[in-house]
């Protein structure tokens, strides 16, 4: 599983079995967007916890992204 960032968009180069490349790229993009949204909409008290969650989620997804 990996995705490439091309011109500001994420394009899947491989996908899990049973999922198209386009659907996989959309899923990765959605998960990253939701992680960022969660971090920005948190209360100040929750920011540290969500920062750790955001960092770990983006690190988990980073192997899916190939920098071009």
N, C-alpha and C. Protein backbone atom coordinates (compact mmCIF):
# COMPACT_ATOMS: atom_id res chain seq x y z
N UNK A 1 0.84 -1.18 0.00
CA UNK A 1 0.00 0.00 0.00
C UNK A 1 0.88 1.24 0.00
N UNK A 2 0.70 2.09 -0.97
CA UNK A 2 1.36 3.38 -0.91
C UNK A 2 0.62 4.36 -1.79
N UNK A 3 0.88 5.61 -1.54
CA UNK A 3 0.25 6.67 -2.32
C UNK A 3 1.31 7.70 -2.65
N UNK A 4 1.17 8.35 -3.76
CA UNK A 4 2.12 9.38 -4.16
C UNK A 4 1.45 10.74 -4.14
N UNK A 5 2.20 11.73 -3.69
CA UNK A 5 1.69 13.09 -3.71
C UNK A 5 2.12 13.70 -5.03
N UNK A 6 1.15 14.03 -5.86
CA UNK A 6 1.43 14.58 -7.18
C UNK A 6 0.64 15.87 -7.33
N UNK A 7 1.34 16.98 -7.45
CA UNK A 7 0.66 18.26 -7.66
C UNK A 7 -0.33 18.61 -6.57
N UNK A 8 -0.03 18.26 -5.32
CA UNK A 8 -0.91 18.60 -4.22
C UNK A 8 -2.04 17.62 -3.98
N UNK A 9 -2.11 16.56 -4.76
CA UNK A 9 -3.14 15.56 -4.54
C UNK A 9 -2.48 14.22 -4.26
N UNK A 10 -3.21 13.36 -3.59
CA UNK A 10 -2.68 12.04 -3.27
C UNK A 10 -3.20 11.04 -4.30
N UNK A 11 -2.28 10.33 -4.91
CA UNK A 11 -2.64 9.32 -5.90
C UNK A 11 -2.13 7.98 -5.41
N UNK A 12 -2.99 7.01 -5.30
CA UNK A 12 -2.57 5.68 -4.85
C UNK A 12 -1.81 4.99 -5.96
N UNK A 13 -0.67 4.38 -5.59
CA UNK A 13 0.08 3.61 -6.56
C UNK A 13 -0.20 2.12 -6.41
N UNK A 14 -0.53 1.70 -5.20
CA UNK A 14 -1.00 0.33 -4.95
C UNK A 14 -2.14 0.43 -3.95
N UNK A 15 -2.96 -0.58 -3.89
CA UNK A 15 -4.11 -0.54 -2.99
C UNK A 15 -4.29 -1.91 -2.34
N UNK A 16 -4.94 -1.94 -1.17
CA UNK A 16 -5.24 -3.22 -0.55
C UNK A 16 -6.15 -4.06 -1.44
N UNK A 17 -6.11 -5.35 -1.26
CA UNK A 17 -6.95 -6.23 -2.05
C UNK A 17 -8.41 -5.86 -1.86
N UNK A 18 -9.13 -5.77 -2.95
CA UNK A 18 -10.55 -5.46 -2.90
C UNK A 18 -10.86 -3.97 -2.93
N UNK A 19 -9.84 -3.14 -3.06
CA UNK A 19 -10.08 -1.69 -3.11
C UNK A 19 -9.33 -1.10 -4.30
N UNK A 20 -9.99 -0.25 -5.04
CA UNK A 20 -9.34 0.38 -6.20
C UNK A 20 -8.30 1.39 -5.74
N UNK A 21 -7.39 1.75 -6.64
CA UNK A 21 -6.37 2.74 -6.31
C UNK A 21 -7.00 4.08 -5.94
N UNK A 22 -8.01 4.48 -6.69
CA UNK A 22 -8.68 5.75 -6.42
C UNK A 22 -9.36 5.76 -5.06
N UNK A 23 -10.03 4.66 -4.73
CA UNK A 23 -10.71 4.56 -3.44
C UNK A 23 -9.71 4.56 -2.30
N UNK A 24 -8.58 3.90 -2.50
CA UNK A 24 -7.55 3.86 -1.46
C UNK A 24 -6.96 5.26 -1.24
N UNK A 25 -6.65 5.96 -2.31
CA UNK A 25 -6.14 7.33 -2.19
C UNK A 25 -7.13 8.24 -1.49
N UNK A 26 -8.40 8.09 -1.83
CA UNK A 26 -9.45 8.89 -1.18
C UNK A 26 -9.53 8.58 0.31
N UNK A 27 -9.39 7.30 0.67
CA UNK A 27 -9.46 6.90 2.08
C UNK A 27 -8.29 7.48 2.87
N UNK A 28 -7.08 7.40 2.30
CA UNK A 28 -5.90 7.94 2.97
C UNK A 28 -6.06 9.45 3.15
N UNK A 29 -6.50 10.14 2.12
CA UNK A 29 -6.71 11.59 2.18
C UNK A 29 -7.75 11.93 3.25
N UNK A 30 -8.83 11.17 3.30
CA UNK A 30 -9.90 11.40 4.29
C UNK A 30 -9.38 11.21 5.71
N UNK A 31 -8.63 10.14 5.95
CA UNK A 31 -8.11 9.87 7.29
C UNK A 31 -7.17 10.98 7.75
N UNK A 32 -6.33 11.47 6.84
CA UNK A 32 -5.42 12.55 7.19
C UNK A 32 -6.19 13.84 7.48
N UNK A 33 -7.19 14.13 6.65
CA UNK A 33 -8.00 15.33 6.84
C UNK A 33 -8.73 15.28 8.19
N UNK A 34 -9.29 14.13 8.53
CA UNK A 34 -10.02 14.01 9.78
C UNK A 34 -9.08 14.12 10.99
N UNK A 35 -7.87 13.60 10.88
CA UNK A 35 -6.90 13.72 11.97
C UNK A 35 -6.56 15.19 12.21
N UNK A 36 -6.36 15.94 11.15
CA UNK A 36 -6.06 17.37 11.27
C UNK A 36 -7.27 18.11 11.83
N UNK A 37 -8.46 17.78 11.33
CA UNK A 37 -9.69 18.43 11.82
C UNK A 37 -9.87 18.18 13.31
N UNK A 38 -9.65 16.95 13.75
CA UNK A 38 -9.77 16.63 15.18
C UNK A 38 -8.82 17.47 16.01
N UNK A 39 -7.60 17.64 15.52
CA UNK A 39 -6.60 18.42 16.26
C UNK A 39 -6.99 19.89 16.36
N UNK A 40 -7.56 20.44 15.30
CA UNK A 40 -7.90 21.86 15.30
C UNK A 40 -9.21 22.17 16.04
N UNK A 41 -10.07 21.19 16.18
CA UNK A 41 -11.36 21.44 16.83
C UNK A 41 -11.37 21.03 18.30
N UNK A 42 -10.23 20.64 18.83
CA UNK A 42 -10.15 20.19 20.22
C UNK A 42 -10.10 21.37 21.17
N UNK A 43 -10.49 21.12 22.40
CA UNK A 43 -10.33 22.14 23.43
C UNK A 43 -8.85 22.23 23.80
N UNK A 44 -8.48 23.30 24.48
CA UNK A 44 -7.08 23.46 24.88
C UNK A 44 -6.63 22.31 25.78
N UNK A 45 -7.51 21.85 26.65
CA UNK A 45 -7.18 20.75 27.56
C UNK A 45 -6.82 19.48 26.79
N UNK A 46 -7.51 19.23 25.69
CA UNK A 46 -7.31 18.01 24.92
C UNK A 46 -6.21 18.13 23.87
N UNK A 47 -5.65 19.32 23.68
CA UNK A 47 -4.70 19.50 22.59
C UNK A 47 -3.50 18.57 22.66
N UNK A 48 -2.93 18.37 23.85
CA UNK A 48 -1.75 17.51 23.95
C UNK A 48 -2.09 16.08 23.57
N UNK A 49 -3.20 15.58 24.06
CA UNK A 49 -3.61 14.21 23.74
C UNK A 49 -3.87 14.07 22.24
N UNK A 50 -4.55 15.06 21.65
CA UNK A 50 -4.85 14.97 20.23
C UNK A 50 -3.62 15.20 19.37
N UNK A 51 -2.65 15.99 19.87
CA UNK A 51 -1.40 16.16 19.13
C UNK A 51 -0.69 14.83 19.02
N UNK A 52 -0.67 14.07 20.12
CA UNK A 52 -0.05 12.74 20.10
C UNK A 52 -0.82 11.84 19.14
N UNK A 53 -2.16 11.90 19.18
CA UNK A 53 -2.98 11.09 18.28
C UNK A 53 -2.73 11.48 16.83
N UNK A 54 -2.66 12.79 16.55
CA UNK A 54 -2.41 13.27 15.19
C UNK A 54 -1.04 12.83 14.72
N UNK A 55 -0.02 12.98 15.58
CA UNK A 55 1.33 12.60 15.20
C UNK A 55 1.42 11.11 14.89
N UNK A 56 0.81 10.30 15.73
CA UNK A 56 0.88 8.85 15.51
C UNK A 56 0.08 8.45 14.27
N UNK A 57 -1.05 9.11 14.02
CA UNK A 57 -1.85 8.77 12.86
C UNK A 57 -1.13 9.17 11.57
N UNK A 58 -0.52 10.35 11.56
CA UNK A 58 0.21 10.78 10.37
C UNK A 58 1.45 9.93 10.17
N UNK A 59 2.10 9.51 11.27
CA UNK A 59 3.25 8.62 11.15
C UNK A 59 2.81 7.28 10.60
N UNK A 60 1.68 6.79 11.07
CA UNK A 60 1.14 5.53 10.57
C UNK A 60 0.84 5.62 9.09
N UNK A 61 0.29 6.76 8.64
CA UNK A 61 -0.04 6.93 7.24
C UNK A 61 1.14 7.35 6.39
N UNK A 62 2.25 7.76 7.03
CA UNK A 62 3.38 8.29 6.26
C UNK A 62 3.99 7.23 5.36
N UNK A 63 3.92 5.95 5.75
CA UNK A 63 4.47 4.93 4.87
C UNK A 63 3.61 4.76 3.62
N UNK A 64 2.40 5.32 3.63
CA UNK A 64 1.54 5.24 2.46
C UNK A 64 1.87 6.33 1.44
N UNK A 65 2.67 7.31 1.85
CA UNK A 65 2.93 8.45 0.98
C UNK A 65 4.35 8.39 0.45
N UNK A 66 4.48 8.51 -0.83
CA UNK A 66 5.79 8.56 -1.48
C UNK A 66 6.00 9.99 -1.93
N UNK A 67 7.03 10.63 -1.42
CA UNK A 67 7.28 12.02 -1.81
C UNK A 67 7.90 12.04 -3.20
N UNK A 68 7.33 12.83 -4.06
CA UNK A 68 7.80 12.93 -5.44
C UNK A 68 8.61 14.20 -5.59
